[in-house]
C-alpha atoms as a PDB file:
ATOM      1  CA  LEU A   1    -106.226 130.735 -45.475  1.00  0.00           C
ATOM      2  CA  VAL A   2    -104.752 130.437 -41.977  1.00  0.00           C
ATOM      3  CA  THR A   3    -106.498 132.130 -39.054  1.00  0.00           C
ATOM      4  CA  LEU A   4    -104.765 133.907 -36.235  1.00  0.00           C
ATOM      5  CA  PRO A   5    -104.736 131.933 -32.953  1.00  0.00           C
ATOM      6  CA  ILE A   6    -108.343 131.600 -31.777  1.00  0.00           C
ATOM      7  CA  ASP A   7    -109.223 133.187 -28.431  1.00  0.00           C
ATOM      8  CA  GLN A   8    -112.004 131.003 -27.025  1.00  0.00           C
ATOM      9  CA  GLY A   9    -112.529 133.167 -23.982  1.00  0.00           C
ATOM     10  CA  ASN A  10    -111.966 132.298 -20.363  1.00  0.00           C
ATOM     11  CA  PRO A  11    -113.833 133.187 -17.159  1.00  0.00           C
ATOM     12  CA  TYR A  12    -110.663 134.942 -16.003  1.00  0.00           C
ATOM     13  CA  GLY A  13    -109.938 136.884 -19.219  1.00  0.00           C
ATOM     14  CA  SER A  14    -108.169 135.970 -22.440  1.00  0.00           C
ATOM     15  CA  SER A  15    -107.426 132.350 -23.339  1.00  0.00           C
ATOM     16  CA  HIS A  16    -104.166 133.231 -25.110  1.00  0.00           C
ATOM     17  CA  GLY A  17    -101.294 131.200 -23.718  1.00  0.00           C
ATOM     18  CA  ILE A  18    -103.447 128.482 -22.131  1.00  0.00           C
ATOM     19  CA  ILE A  19    -104.093 125.087 -23.713  1.00  0.00           C
ATOM     20  CA  ASN A  20    -107.118 125.080 -26.057  1.00  0.00           C
ATOM     21  CA  ARG A  21    -108.866 122.264 -27.875  1.00  0.00           C
ATOM     22  CA  LEU A  22    -111.244 122.745 -30.777  1.00  0.00           C
ATOM     23  CA  HIS A  23    -113.886 119.984 -30.859  1.00  0.00           C
ATOM     24  CA  SER A  24    -115.656 120.960 -34.047  1.00  0.00           C
ATOM     25  CA  ILE A  25    -115.951 123.842 -36.453  1.00  0.00           C
ATOM     26  CA  ILE A  26    -118.585 125.110 -38.844  1.00  0.00           C
ATOM     27  CA  ILE A  27    -117.170 126.645 -42.008  1.00  0.00           C
ATOM     28  CA  LYS A  28    -119.635 128.969 -43.771  1.00  0.00           C
ATOM     29  CA  LEU A  29    -118.891 128.962 -47.502  1.00  0.00           C
ATOM     30  CA  TYR A  30    -120.292 130.919 -50.454  1.00  0.00           C
ATOM     31  CA  LYS A  31    -120.005 129.555 -54.009  1.00  0.00           C
ATOM     32  CA  SER A  32    -116.881 127.630 -53.103  1.00  0.00           C
ATOM     33  CA  GLY A  33    -115.290 124.655 -54.752  1.00  0.00           C
ATOM     34  CA  HIS A  34    -113.422 121.665 -53.417  1.00  0.00           C
ATOM     35  CA  CYS A  35    -111.344 122.517 -50.306  1.00  0.00           C
ATOM     36  CA  MET A  36    -109.349 121.014 -47.438  1.00  0.00           C
ATOM     37  CA  PHE A  37    -109.160 122.017 -43.776  1.00  0.00           C
ATOM     38  CA  GLY A  38    -107.113 121.258 -40.665  1.00  0.00           C
ATOM     39  CA  SER A  39    -104.805 122.748 -38.069  1.00  0.00           C
ATOM     40  CA  THR A  40    -101.575 122.303 -40.055  1.00  0.00           C
ATOM     41  CA  GLU A  41    -100.713 121.524 -43.648  1.00  0.00           C
ATOM     42  CA  ALA A  42     -99.701 118.007 -42.561  1.00  0.00           C
ATOM     43  CA  ASP A  43    -103.198 117.068 -41.302  1.00  0.00           C
ATOM     44  CA  LEU A  44    -105.494 118.618 -43.923  1.00  0.00           C
ATOM     45  CA  GLU A  45    -108.699 116.672 -44.513  1.00  0.00           C
ATOM     46  CA  VAL A  46    -110.850 116.888 -47.628  1.00  0.00           C
ATOM     47  CA  ALA A  47    -114.228 118.620 -47.230  1.00  0.00           C
ATOM     48  CA  GLN A  48    -117.205 116.606 -48.471  1.00  0.00           C
ATOM     49  CA  ILE A  49    -118.028 118.818 -51.468  1.00  0.00           C
ATOM     50  CA  GLU A  50    -118.739 117.220 -54.816  1.00  0.00           C
ATOM     51  CA  ALA A  51    -115.840 117.889 -57.184  1.00  0.00           C
ATOM     52  CA  GLY A  52    -116.620 120.340 -59.980  1.00  0.00           C
ATOM     53  CA  THR A  53    -119.534 122.008 -58.190  1.00  0.00           C
ATOM     54  CA  GLU A  54    -119.903 125.256 -56.264  1.00  0.00           C
ATOM     55  CA  PHE A  55    -121.199 124.918 -52.709  1.00  0.00           C
ATOM     56  CA  THR A  56    -123.010 127.546 -50.634  1.00  0.00           C
ATOM     57  CA  GLY A  57    -123.816 126.608 -47.059  1.00  0.00           C
ATOM     58  CA  GLN A  58    -122.270 125.279 -43.890  1.00  0.00           C
ATOM     59  CA  LEU A  59    -119.866 122.407 -43.375  1.00  0.00           C
ATOM     60  CA  LYS A  60    -119.843 121.043 -39.835  1.00  0.00           C
ATOM     61  CA  VAL A  61    -116.715 119.045 -39.244  1.00  0.00           C
ATOM     62  CA  ASN A  62    -114.959 117.417 -36.316  1.00  0.00           C
ATOM     63  CA  PHE A  63    -111.704 119.256 -36.013  1.00  0.00           C
ATOM     64  CA  PRO A  64    -108.606 117.034 -36.117  1.00  0.00           C
ATOM     65  CA  ALA A  65    -106.507 119.122 -33.720  1.00  0.00           C
ATOM     66  CA  SER A  66    -105.050 118.030 -30.430  1.00  0.00           C
ATOM     67  CA  PRO A  67    -104.787 120.331 -27.391  1.00  0.00           C
ATOM     68  CA  ASP A  68    -102.542 123.279 -28.276  1.00  0.00           C
ATOM     69  CA  THR A  69    -101.740 126.784 -27.070  1.00  0.00           C
ATOM     70  CA  GLN A  70    -102.004 128.142 -30.641  1.00  0.00           C
ATOM     71  CA  ALA A  71    -105.362 126.873 -31.951  1.00  0.00           C
ATOM     72  CA  VAL A  72    -105.606 127.859 -35.630  1.00  0.00           C
ATOM     73  CA  VAL A  73    -107.737 126.785 -38.584  1.00  0.00           C
ATOM     74  CA  GLN A  74    -106.187 126.312 -42.030  1.00  0.00           C
ATOM     75  CA  ILE A  75    -108.348 126.075 -45.182  1.00  0.00           C
ATOM     76  CA  GLU A  76    -106.938 125.474 -48.676  1.00  0.00           C
ATOM     77  CA  SER A  77    -108.662 125.245 -52.024  1.00  0.00           C
ATOM     78  CA  GLU A  78    -107.467 123.297 -54.997  1.00  0.00           C
ATOM     79  CA  GLU A  79    -105.857 125.232 -57.807  1.00  0.00           C
ATOM     80  CA  ASN A  80    -108.394 127.364 -59.698  1.00  0.00           C
ATOM     81  CA  ALA A  81    -111.221 126.395 -57.304  1.00  0.00           C
ATOM     82  CA  PRO A  82    -113.139 129.337 -55.823  1.00  0.00           C
ATOM     83  CA  LEU A  83    -113.064 129.732 -52.032  1.00  0.00           C
ATOM     84  CA  THR A  84    -115.165 132.335 -50.213  1.00  0.00           C
ATOM     85  CA  VAL A  85    -115.256 131.830 -46.439  1.00  0.00           C
ATOM     86  CA  LEU A  86    -118.001 133.884 -44.794  1.00  0.00           C
ATOM     87  CA  GLY A  87    -117.196 132.720 -41.289  1.00  0.00           C
ATOM     88  CA  ILE A  88    -115.751 130.069 -39.019  1.00  0.00           C
ATOM     89  CA  VAL A  89    -117.691 129.090 -35.904  1.00  0.00           C
ATOM     90  CA  TYR A  90    -115.976 126.846 -33.388  1.00  0.00           C
ATOM     91  CA  GLN A  91    -116.811 124.750 -30.357  1.00  0.00           C
ATOM     92  CA  GLY A  92    -113.985 124.062 -27.963  1.00  0.00           C
ATOM     93  CA  GLU A  93    -112.545 124.176 -24.480  1.00  0.00           C
ATOM     94  CA  GLY A  94    -109.780 126.022 -22.696  1.00  0.00           C
ATOM     95  CA  TYR A  95    -107.698 124.449 -19.953  1.00  0.00           C
ATOM     96  CA  GLU A  96    -105.869 126.419 -17.290  1.00  0.00           C
END
């Protein structure tokens, strides 16, 4: 799963095209297995879910992204592991 670029909002309108930085994200999962998250496939980190179990709840994680104009979230599950993402909530900043 790869999101579209996240628009964090801006007092002057859209934040598209300005530098954004995600500080942390909350991933809301339903009956999901082991998964990984990050901003690119190269920097995926393993979520702290016990292997072989299904997890329902929220994972709050510090997001490993640097300032970027295309802030995206990428979530991958291991082969045959269920992954149901109910929502992604983010905390971040936009710079003009």
